[in-house]
Amino acid sequence: MEETDLPILQEMINDPELENCVVGWSWPVSLAGQKAWYIENLKSTTNQRFIIEYENEAMGLIVLSDIDWKNRKATTGIKLSRQCPKGKGIGTDAVMALERYSFNELNLNRLEGSWFPENIASASLHKKCGWKEEGLQRKAIFKNGQYQDLVIVGCLKQDYEEVVSASKYWN
């Protein structure tokens, strides 16, 4: 993630339709506020953020957050802009690349995440990449004026390796 990526990040966080799909919460952010967030994130040893590109254009963001170096795990999230073409494998490539980096370069053993039950696109994407549903947190997030359930998911290094072996993903 570079400072030149801040306008697309600001656009995504200020897009109410897109923000309604993600678990976290946000408020309108100015470009100056986005820059302050970026500078603060540069100092982090437990968060890494990567821009997803397609044809040299920024199309989204994928993150490793709350990296737990002792227990070798991290939380992940992905957000694709509305301009991101569908059906091109962009999300799959981003998740698989993040898994490869996490498991092979950082030597993590587990990635964790969550999404709303109605987020079929996220569920489908992650299952294709080896993620498993591990549970449901009932009424865990207050969003859009109501409490909503969260599907809890995880991907182990061995899950990733099985997907790569079966699909020959990187060949």
N, C-alpha and C. Protein backbone atom coordinates (compact mmCIF):
# COMPACT_ATOMS: atom_id res chain seq x y z
N MET A 1 0.85 -1.17 0.00
CA MET A 1 0.00 0.00 0.00
C MET A 1 0.90 1.23 0.00
N GLU A 2 0.62 2.13 -0.90
CA GLU A 2 1.39 3.36 -1.05
C GLU A 2 0.49 4.57 -0.80
N GLU A 3 1.11 5.70 -0.55
CA GLU A 3 0.34 6.92 -0.33
C GLU A 3 -0.53 7.26 -1.55
N THR A 4 -0.07 6.89 -2.73
CA THR A 4 -0.85 7.17 -3.95
C THR A 4 -2.14 6.35 -4.01
N ASP A 5 -2.27 5.32 -3.16
CA ASP A 5 -3.48 4.49 -3.12
C ASP A 5 -4.57 5.08 -2.22
N LEU A 6 -4.27 6.14 -1.52
CA LEU A 6 -5.23 6.68 -0.55
C LEU A 6 -6.55 7.13 -1.16
N PRO A 7 -6.58 7.72 -2.36
CA PRO A 7 -7.89 8.11 -2.91
C PRO A 7 -8.85 6.93 -3.11
N ILE A 8 -8.36 5.78 -3.60
CA ILE A 8 -9.26 4.64 -3.78
C ILE A 8 -9.72 4.10 -2.43
N LEU A 9 -8.83 4.13 -1.43
CA LEU A 9 -9.22 3.68 -0.09
C LEU A 9 -10.27 4.61 0.50
N GLN A 10 -10.08 5.91 0.30
CA GLN A 10 -11.07 6.87 0.79
C GLN A 10 -12.41 6.66 0.09
N GLU A 11 -12.36 6.42 -1.21
CA GLU A 11 -13.60 6.18 -1.97
C GLU A 11 -14.33 4.94 -1.43
N MET A 12 -13.58 3.88 -1.15
CA MET A 12 -14.22 2.64 -0.67
C MET A 12 -14.82 2.82 0.72
N ILE A 13 -14.09 3.48 1.62
CA ILE A 13 -14.61 3.62 2.98
C ILE A 13 -15.80 4.58 3.03
N ASN A 14 -15.87 5.49 2.07
CA ASN A 14 -16.99 6.43 2.02
C ASN A 14 -18.17 5.93 1.19
N ASP A 15 -18.08 4.71 0.69
CA ASP A 15 -19.15 4.11 -0.11
C ASP A 15 -20.08 3.33 0.82
N PRO A 16 -21.26 3.87 1.15
CA PRO A 16 -22.14 3.21 2.13
C PRO A 16 -22.56 1.80 1.72
N GLU A 17 -22.78 1.58 0.44
CA GLU A 17 -23.18 0.25 -0.02
C GLU A 17 -22.07 -0.77 0.23
N LEU A 18 -20.85 -0.39 -0.05
CA LEU A 18 -19.70 -1.27 0.17
C LEU A 18 -19.46 -1.47 1.66
N GLU A 19 -19.55 -0.42 2.43
CA GLU A 19 -19.32 -0.52 3.87
C GLU A 19 -20.37 -1.39 4.57
N ASN A 20 -21.58 -1.45 4.02
CA ASN A 20 -22.62 -2.30 4.61
C ASN A 20 -22.28 -3.78 4.51
N CYS A 21 -21.39 -4.14 3.60
CA CYS A 21 -21.01 -5.55 3.41
C CYS A 21 -19.89 -5.99 4.34
N VAL A 22 -19.14 -5.06 4.90
CA VAL A 22 -17.99 -5.43 5.72
C VAL A 22 -18.35 -5.39 7.20
N VAL A 23 -17.62 -6.19 7.97
CA VAL A 23 -17.94 -6.38 9.38
C VAL A 23 -17.63 -5.14 10.21
N GLY A 24 -16.54 -4.45 9.93
CA GLY A 24 -16.15 -3.31 10.74
C GLY A 24 -17.10 -2.13 10.58
N TRP A 25 -16.81 -1.07 11.29
CA TRP A 25 -17.64 0.12 11.20
C TRP A 25 -16.76 1.28 10.76
N SER A 26 -17.38 2.27 10.18
CA SER A 26 -16.63 3.42 9.71
C SER A 26 -17.51 4.65 9.71
N TRP A 27 -16.92 5.75 9.39
CA TRP A 27 -17.61 7.03 9.26
C TRP A 27 -16.97 7.74 8.08
N PRO A 28 -17.58 8.78 7.55
CA PRO A 28 -16.97 9.48 6.42
C PRO A 28 -15.55 9.95 6.75
N VAL A 29 -14.65 9.76 5.80
CA VAL A 29 -13.24 10.07 6.01
C VAL A 29 -12.77 11.03 4.92
N SER A 30 -12.08 12.07 5.35
CA SER A 30 -11.47 13.01 4.40
C SER A 30 -10.16 12.42 3.90
N LEU A 31 -9.62 13.00 2.84
CA LEU A 31 -8.33 12.54 2.35
C LEU A 31 -7.24 12.79 3.39
N ALA A 32 -7.33 13.89 4.13
CA ALA A 32 -6.37 14.16 5.21
C ALA A 32 -6.48 13.10 6.30
N GLY A 33 -7.70 12.71 6.63
CA GLY A 33 -7.91 11.65 7.62
C GLY A 33 -7.37 10.32 7.13
N GLN A 34 -7.55 10.04 5.85
CA GLN A 34 -7.02 8.80 5.27
C GLN A 34 -5.50 8.81 5.33
N LYS A 35 -4.89 9.97 5.09
CA LYS A 35 -3.43 10.07 5.15
C LYS A 35 -2.93 9.86 6.57
N ALA A 36 -3.61 10.41 7.56
CA ALA A 36 -3.21 10.22 8.96
C ALA A 36 -3.28 8.74 9.33
N TRP A 37 -4.35 8.06 8.88
CA TRP A 37 -4.50 6.61 9.12
C TRP A 37 -3.34 5.85 8.48
N TYR A 38 -3.00 6.21 7.25
CA TYR A 38 -1.91 5.57 6.51
C TYR A 38 -0.59 5.71 7.26
N ILE A 39 -0.27 6.91 7.70
CA ILE A 39 0.98 7.16 8.41
C ILE A 39 1.04 6.35 9.70
N GLU A 40 -0.06 6.28 10.42
CA GLU A 40 -0.11 5.49 11.65
C GLU A 40 0.09 4.00 11.36
N ASN A 41 -0.49 3.52 10.27
CA ASN A 41 -0.36 2.11 9.91
C ASN A 41 1.05 1.72 9.50
N LEU A 42 1.83 2.66 9.00
CA LEU A 42 3.21 2.36 8.63
C LEU A 42 4.03 1.90 9.83
N LYS A 43 3.65 2.31 11.03
CA LYS A 43 4.39 1.98 12.25
C LYS A 43 4.04 0.61 12.81
N SER A 44 2.98 0.02 12.33
CA SER A 44 2.45 -1.21 12.93
C SER A 44 3.33 -2.43 12.63
N THR A 45 3.53 -3.26 13.65
CA THR A 45 4.22 -4.55 13.48
C THR A 45 3.22 -5.70 13.48
N THR A 46 1.95 -5.38 13.65
CA THR A 46 0.93 -6.44 13.72
C THR A 46 -0.15 -6.28 12.65
N ASN A 47 0.01 -5.34 11.76
CA ASN A 47 -0.96 -5.13 10.67
C ASN A 47 -0.21 -4.90 9.37
N GLN A 48 -0.64 -5.59 8.32
CA GLN A 48 -0.07 -5.38 6.99
C GLN A 48 -1.23 -5.25 6.01
N ARG A 49 -1.14 -4.27 5.13
CA ARG A 49 -2.22 -4.00 4.19
C ARG A 49 -1.64 -3.96 2.77
N PHE A 50 -2.38 -4.57 1.85
CA PHE A 50 -1.92 -4.68 0.47
C PHE A 50 -3.01 -4.23 -0.49
N ILE A 51 -2.62 -3.47 -1.48
CA ILE A 51 -3.56 -3.04 -2.51
C ILE A 51 -3.72 -4.17 -3.53
N ILE A 52 -4.95 -4.42 -3.92
CA ILE A 52 -5.25 -5.40 -4.96
C ILE A 52 -5.32 -4.63 -6.27
N GLU A 53 -4.51 -5.05 -7.24
CA GLU A 53 -4.48 -4.37 -8.54
C GLU A 53 -4.97 -5.29 -9.64
N TYR A 54 -5.55 -4.68 -10.65
CA TYR A 54 -5.94 -5.37 -11.87
C TYR A 54 -5.64 -4.43 -13.02
N GLU A 55 -4.83 -4.90 -13.97
CA GLU A 55 -4.40 -4.07 -15.10
C GLU A 55 -3.84 -2.73 -14.64
N ASN A 56 -2.98 -2.79 -13.62
CA ASN A 56 -2.28 -1.64 -13.05
C ASN A 56 -3.19 -0.60 -12.40
N GLU A 57 -4.41 -0.98 -12.08
CA GLU A 57 -5.34 -0.08 -11.39
C GLU A 57 -5.67 -0.67 -10.02
N ALA A 58 -5.68 0.16 -8.99
CA ALA A 58 -6.07 -0.29 -7.65
C ALA A 58 -7.55 -0.66 -7.65
N MET A 59 -7.85 -1.86 -7.17
CA MET A 59 -9.22 -2.37 -7.18
C MET A 59 -9.72 -2.75 -5.80
N GLY A 60 -8.84 -2.72 -4.81
CA GLY A 60 -9.29 -3.11 -3.48
C GLY A 60 -8.14 -3.20 -2.51
N LEU A 61 -8.45 -3.78 -1.37
CA LEU A 61 -7.51 -3.87 -0.25
C LEU A 61 -7.67 -5.24 0.39
N ILE A 62 -6.55 -5.85 0.75
CA ILE A 62 -6.57 -7.10 1.52
C ILE A 62 -5.61 -6.91 2.68
N VAL A 63 -5.99 -7.40 3.85
CA VAL A 63 -5.23 -7.10 5.06
C VAL A 63 -4.92 -8.34 5.88
N LEU A 64 -3.81 -8.26 6.58
CA LEU A 64 -3.49 -9.13 7.70
C LEU A 64 -3.51 -8.21 8.91
N SER A 65 -4.33 -8.51 9.89
CA SER A 65 -4.39 -7.67 11.07
C SER A 65 -4.27 -8.52 12.32
N ASP A 66 -3.96 -7.87 13.41
CA ASP A 66 -3.80 -8.55 14.70
C ASP A 66 -2.88 -9.76 14.56
N ILE A 67 -1.75 -9.58 13.88
CA ILE A 67 -0.81 -10.69 13.72
C ILE A 67 -0.30 -11.09 15.10
N ASP A 68 -0.48 -12.34 15.43
CA ASP A 68 -0.06 -12.91 16.71
C ASP A 68 1.19 -13.75 16.42
N TRP A 69 2.36 -13.16 16.66
CA TRP A 69 3.61 -13.81 16.30
C TRP A 69 3.89 -15.04 17.15
N LYS A 70 3.43 -15.06 18.39
CA LYS A 70 3.65 -16.23 19.26
C LYS A 70 2.82 -17.42 18.80
N ASN A 71 1.54 -17.19 18.54
CA ASN A 71 0.64 -18.28 18.17
C ASN A 71 0.54 -18.49 16.66
N ARG A 72 1.29 -17.67 15.89
CA ARG A 72 1.40 -17.83 14.44
C ARG A 72 0.06 -17.75 13.72
N LYS A 73 -0.71 -16.70 14.05
CA LYS A 73 -2.02 -16.52 13.41
C LYS A 73 -2.29 -15.05 13.18
N ALA A 74 -3.28 -14.77 12.33
CA ALA A 74 -3.68 -13.39 12.04
C ALA A 74 -5.12 -13.39 11.56
N THR A 75 -5.72 -12.21 11.62
CA THR A 75 -7.06 -11.99 11.09
C THR A 75 -6.92 -11.37 9.71
N THR A 76 -7.81 -11.74 8.80
CA THR A 76 -7.74 -11.19 7.45
C THR A 76 -9.05 -10.50 7.07
N GLY A 77 -8.96 -9.70 6.06
CA GLY A 77 -10.14 -9.06 5.49
C GLY A 77 -9.83 -8.63 4.06
N ILE A 78 -10.86 -8.56 3.26
CA ILE A 78 -10.70 -8.14 1.87
C ILE A 78 -11.87 -7.22 1.51
N LYS A 79 -11.55 -6.20 0.74
CA LYS A 79 -12.59 -5.28 0.26
C LYS A 79 -12.26 -4.93 -1.19
N LEU A 80 -13.19 -5.22 -2.08
CA LEU A 80 -13.03 -4.90 -3.49
C LEU A 80 -13.92 -3.72 -3.85
N SER A 81 -13.39 -2.79 -4.63
CA SER A 81 -14.17 -1.61 -5.02
C SER A 81 -15.26 -2.01 -6.00
N ARG A 82 -16.21 -1.11 -6.18
CA ARG A 82 -17.28 -1.37 -7.15
C ARG A 82 -16.76 -1.41 -8.58
N GLN A 83 -15.60 -0.80 -8.82
CA GLN A 83 -15.01 -0.80 -10.16
C GLN A 83 -14.32 -2.12 -10.48
N CYS A 84 -14.13 -2.97 -9.50
CA CYS A 84 -13.42 -4.24 -9.71
C CYS A 84 -14.27 -5.17 -10.58
N PRO A 85 -13.73 -5.61 -11.72
CA PRO A 85 -14.49 -6.51 -12.59
C PRO A 85 -14.78 -7.84 -11.90
N LYS A 86 -15.98 -8.33 -12.07
CA LYS A 86 -16.38 -9.61 -11.47
C LYS A 86 -16.06 -10.74 -12.45
N GLY A 87 -15.80 -11.92 -11.88
CA GLY A 87 -15.58 -13.10 -12.70
C GLY A 87 -14.20 -13.21 -13.32
N LYS A 88 -13.26 -12.40 -12.88
CA LYS A 88 -11.90 -12.43 -13.42
C LYS A 88 -10.92 -13.13 -12.48
N GLY A 89 -11.39 -13.60 -11.32
CA GLY A 89 -10.51 -14.28 -10.36
C GLY A 89 -9.66 -13.33 -9.54
N ILE A 90 -9.99 -12.06 -9.54
CA ILE A 90 -9.18 -11.06 -8.84
C ILE A 90 -9.19 -11.32 -7.33
N GLY A 91 -10.36 -11.55 -6.77
CA GLY A 91 -10.46 -11.85 -5.34
C GLY A 91 -9.77 -13.15 -4.99
N THR A 92 -9.95 -14.18 -5.81
CA THR A 92 -9.30 -15.47 -5.56
C THR A 92 -7.79 -15.31 -5.57
N ASP A 93 -7.26 -14.63 -6.58
CA ASP A 93 -5.81 -14.41 -6.65
C ASP A 93 -5.30 -13.65 -5.44
N ALA A 94 -6.06 -12.66 -4.98
CA ALA A 94 -5.63 -11.87 -3.82
C ALA A 94 -5.61 -12.73 -2.56
N VAL A 95 -6.65 -13.52 -2.34
CA VAL A 95 -6.70 -14.37 -1.14
C VAL A 95 -5.61 -15.43 -1.20
N MET A 96 -5.44 -16.07 -2.35
CA MET A 96 -4.40 -17.09 -2.47
C MET A 96 -3.00 -16.49 -2.28
N ALA A 97 -2.76 -15.31 -2.81
CA ALA A 97 -1.46 -14.65 -2.62
C ALA A 97 -1.23 -14.30 -1.16
N LEU A 98 -2.28 -13.82 -0.48
CA LEU A 98 -2.14 -13.50 0.94
C LEU A 98 -1.87 -14.77 1.74
N GLU A 99 -2.53 -15.86 1.39
CA GLU A 99 -2.28 -17.13 2.09
C GLU A 99 -0.83 -17.58 1.86
N ARG A 100 -0.38 -17.54 0.62
CA ARG A 100 1.00 -17.96 0.32
C ARG A 100 2.00 -17.12 1.12
N TYR A 101 1.81 -15.82 1.12
CA TYR A 101 2.69 -14.93 1.88
C TYR A 101 2.63 -15.23 3.38
N SER A 102 1.42 -15.38 3.90
CA SER A 102 1.24 -15.61 5.34
C SER A 102 1.86 -16.93 5.79
N PHE A 103 1.60 -17.98 5.04
CA PHE A 103 2.05 -19.31 5.44
C PHE A 103 3.51 -19.59 5.07
N ASN A 104 3.96 -19.13 3.91
CA ASN A 104 5.30 -19.47 3.45
C ASN A 104 6.36 -18.44 3.81
N GLU A 105 5.98 -17.16 3.91
CA GLU A 105 6.96 -16.12 4.23
C GLU A 105 6.95 -15.73 5.71
N LEU A 106 5.77 -15.58 6.28
CA LEU A 106 5.66 -15.19 7.69
C LEU A 106 5.61 -16.40 8.62
N ASN A 107 5.46 -17.59 8.05
CA ASN A 107 5.36 -18.83 8.81
C ASN A 107 4.18 -18.83 9.78
N LEU A 108 3.08 -18.21 9.37
CA LEU A 108 1.86 -18.31 10.17
C LEU A 108 1.26 -19.69 9.94
N ASN A 109 0.44 -20.13 10.87
CA ASN A 109 -0.22 -21.43 10.75
C ASN A 109 -1.72 -21.30 10.57
N ARG A 110 -2.26 -20.12 10.90
CA ARG A 110 -3.72 -19.97 10.89
C ARG A 110 -4.11 -18.55 10.50
N LEU A 111 -5.12 -18.46 9.64
CA LEU A 111 -5.75 -17.19 9.31
C LEU A 111 -7.19 -17.27 9.76
N GLU A 112 -7.70 -16.16 10.27
CA GLU A 112 -9.07 -16.11 10.79
C GLU A 112 -9.83 -14.98 10.12
N GLY A 113 -11.14 -15.13 10.09
CA GLY A 113 -11.97 -14.08 9.53
C GLY A 113 -13.42 -14.27 9.91
N SER A 114 -14.24 -13.37 9.41
CA SER A 114 -15.68 -13.45 9.65
C SER A 114 -16.40 -12.66 8.57
N TRP A 115 -17.66 -13.00 8.38
CA TRP A 115 -18.51 -12.25 7.46
C TRP A 115 -19.96 -12.43 7.85
N PHE A 116 -20.80 -11.59 7.30
CA PHE A 116 -22.24 -11.70 7.54
C PHE A 116 -22.77 -12.91 6.78
N PRO A 117 -23.73 -13.65 7.35
CA PRO A 117 -24.27 -14.84 6.68
C PRO A 117 -24.78 -14.57 5.26
N GLU A 118 -25.28 -13.38 5.00
CA GLU A 118 -25.82 -13.09 3.66
C GLU A 118 -24.74 -12.71 2.64
N ASN A 119 -23.48 -12.64 3.08
CA ASN A 119 -22.39 -12.28 2.17
C ASN A 119 -21.92 -13.53 1.42
N ILE A 120 -22.73 -13.97 0.48
CA ILE A 120 -22.48 -15.20 -0.27
C ILE A 120 -21.19 -15.10 -1.08
N ALA A 121 -20.91 -13.93 -1.63
CA ALA A 121 -19.70 -13.75 -2.45
C ALA A 121 -18.44 -14.02 -1.63
N SER A 122 -18.38 -13.48 -0.42
CA SER A 122 -17.21 -13.70 0.43
C SER A 122 -17.09 -15.16 0.84
N ALA A 123 -18.22 -15.77 1.18
CA ALA A 123 -18.21 -17.19 1.57
C ALA A 123 -17.71 -18.05 0.42
N SER A 124 -18.21 -17.82 -0.78
CA SER A 124 -17.82 -18.61 -1.95
C SER A 124 -16.33 -18.42 -2.27
N LEU A 125 -15.88 -17.19 -2.25
CA LEU A 125 -14.48 -16.88 -2.52
C LEU A 125 -13.56 -17.61 -1.55
N HIS A 126 -13.83 -17.49 -0.26
CA HIS A 126 -12.95 -18.07 0.74
C HIS A 126 -12.99 -19.60 0.75
N LYS A 127 -14.15 -20.18 0.55
CA LYS A 127 -14.24 -21.65 0.50
C LYS A 127 -13.40 -22.19 -0.65
N LYS A 128 -13.40 -21.49 -1.77
CA LYS A 128 -12.59 -21.89 -2.92
C LYS A 128 -11.09 -21.88 -2.56
N CYS A 129 -10.72 -21.05 -1.60
CA CYS A 129 -9.32 -20.90 -1.21
C CYS A 129 -8.96 -21.71 0.04
N GLY A 130 -9.85 -22.60 0.48
CA GLY A 130 -9.53 -23.51 1.57
C GLY A 130 -10.09 -23.16 2.93
N TRP A 131 -10.85 -22.09 3.04
CA TRP A 131 -11.39 -21.67 4.32
C TRP A 131 -12.54 -22.58 4.77
N LYS A 132 -12.65 -22.75 6.09
CA LYS A 132 -13.70 -23.60 6.67
C LYS A 132 -14.54 -22.77 7.64
N GLU A 133 -15.85 -23.02 7.62
CA GLU A 133 -16.72 -22.41 8.63
C GLU A 133 -16.47 -23.09 9.96
N GLU A 134 -16.31 -22.29 11.01
CA GLU A 134 -16.01 -22.83 12.33
C GLU A 134 -17.09 -22.53 13.35
N GLY A 135 -18.00 -21.66 13.02
CA GLY A 135 -19.06 -21.35 13.96
C GLY A 135 -19.84 -20.11 13.58
N LEU A 136 -20.75 -19.75 14.46
CA LEU A 136 -21.60 -18.59 14.26
C LEU A 136 -21.67 -17.82 15.56
N GLN A 137 -21.37 -16.54 15.49
CA GLN A 137 -21.57 -15.66 16.65
C GLN A 137 -22.92 -14.98 16.44
N ARG A 138 -23.83 -15.26 17.35
CA ARG A 138 -25.17 -14.70 17.23
C ARG A 138 -25.19 -13.26 17.70
N LYS A 139 -25.83 -12.39 16.90
CA LYS A 139 -26.03 -10.98 17.24
C LYS A 139 -24.73 -10.33 17.72
N ALA A 140 -23.65 -10.53 16.98
CA ALA A 140 -22.32 -10.09 17.40
C ALA A 140 -21.97 -8.67 16.98
N ILE A 141 -22.60 -8.17 15.93
CA ILE A 141 -22.24 -6.87 15.36
C ILE A 141 -23.50 -6.01 15.23
N PHE A 142 -23.39 -4.75 15.68
CA PHE A 142 -24.48 -3.80 15.50
C PHE A 142 -24.20 -2.99 14.24
N LYS A 143 -25.03 -3.18 13.24
CA LYS A 143 -24.83 -2.50 11.96
C LYS A 143 -26.19 -2.27 11.33
N ASN A 144 -26.34 -1.12 10.70
CA ASN A 144 -27.60 -0.77 10.03
C ASN A 144 -28.79 -0.84 10.99
N GLY A 145 -28.56 -0.44 12.23
CA GLY A 145 -29.65 -0.34 13.20
C GLY A 145 -30.09 -1.64 13.84
N GLN A 146 -29.34 -2.71 13.61
CA GLN A 146 -29.73 -3.98 14.23
C GLN A 146 -28.50 -4.84 14.50
N TYR A 147 -28.66 -5.78 15.44
CA TYR A 147 -27.60 -6.73 15.72
C TYR A 147 -27.62 -7.83 14.67
N GLN A 148 -26.43 -8.18 14.20
CA GLN A 148 -26.32 -9.16 13.13
C GLN A 148 -25.38 -10.29 13.53
N ASP A 149 -25.67 -11.48 13.02
CA ASP A 149 -24.83 -12.64 13.25
C ASP A 149 -23.56 -12.53 12.42
N LEU A 150 -22.53 -13.27 12.86
CA LEU A 150 -21.28 -13.37 12.11
C LEU A 150 -20.92 -14.83 11.91
N VAL A 151 -20.57 -15.19 10.71
CA VAL A 151 -20.01 -16.51 10.43
C VAL A 151 -18.51 -16.42 10.73
N ILE A 152 -18.02 -17.34 11.56
CA ILE A 152 -16.61 -17.37 11.95
C ILE A 152 -15.91 -18.43 11.09
N VAL A 153 -14.78 -18.05 10.50
CA VAL A 153 -14.08 -18.93 9.57
C VAL A 153 -12.59 -18.95 9.86
N GLY A 154 -11.93 -19.98 9.35
CA GLY A 154 -10.49 -20.09 9.50
C GLY A 154 -9.88 -20.87 8.36
N CYS A 155 -8.60 -20.66 8.16
CA CYS A 155 -7.84 -21.40 7.16
C CYS A 155 -6.48 -21.73 7.77
N LEU A 156 -6.17 -23.01 7.84
CA LEU A 156 -4.88 -23.46 8.33
C LEU A 156 -3.91 -23.60 7.17
N LYS A 157 -2.63 -23.60 7.49
CA LYS A 157 -1.62 -23.80 6.45
C LYS A 157 -1.90 -25.09 5.69
N GLN A 158 -2.29 -26.14 6.40
CA GLN A 158 -2.56 -27.42 5.72
C GLN A 158 -3.77 -27.32 4.79
N ASP A 159 -4.77 -26.50 5.13
CA ASP A 159 -5.92 -26.29 4.24
C ASP A 159 -5.45 -25.64 2.94
N TYR A 160 -4.61 -24.63 3.08
CA TYR A 160 -4.06 -23.93 1.92
C TYR A 160 -3.25 -24.89 1.05
N GLU A 161 -2.39 -25.69 1.69
CA GLU A 161 -1.55 -26.63 0.94
C GLU A 161 -2.39 -27.66 0.19
N GLU A 162 -3.49 -28.10 0.79
CA GLU A 162 -4.39 -29.05 0.11
C GLU A 162 -5.01 -28.42 -1.13
N VAL A 163 -5.43 -27.16 -1.04
CA VAL A 163 -6.01 -26.47 -2.20
C VAL A 163 -4.96 -26.32 -3.30
N VAL A 164 -3.76 -25.91 -2.93
CA VAL A 164 -2.69 -25.72 -3.92
C VAL A 164 -2.36 -27.05 -4.59
N SER A 165 -2.25 -28.11 -3.80
CA SER A 165 -1.92 -29.43 -4.34
C SER A 165 -3.01 -29.94 -5.28
N ALA A 166 -4.26 -29.82 -4.87
CA ALA A 166 -5.37 -30.34 -5.67
C ALA A 166 -5.61 -29.53 -6.94
N SER A 167 -5.42 -28.22 -6.86
CA SER A 167 -5.74 -27.36 -8.00
C SER A 167 -4.52 -26.98 -8.84
N LYS A 168 -3.32 -27.29 -8.32
CA LYS A 168 -2.07 -26.86 -8.99
C LYS A 168 -2.11 -25.34 -9.20
N TYR A 169 -2.58 -24.63 -8.19
CA TYR A 169 -2.87 -23.20 -8.31
C TYR A 169 -1.69 -22.38 -8.82
N TRP A 170 -0.51 -22.63 -8.31
CA TRP A 170 0.63 -21.80 -8.67
C TRP A 170 1.43 -22.36 -9.85
N ASN A 171 0.95 -23.43 -10.47
CA ASN A 171 1.68 -24.02 -11.62
C ASN A 171 1.22 -23.40 -12.92
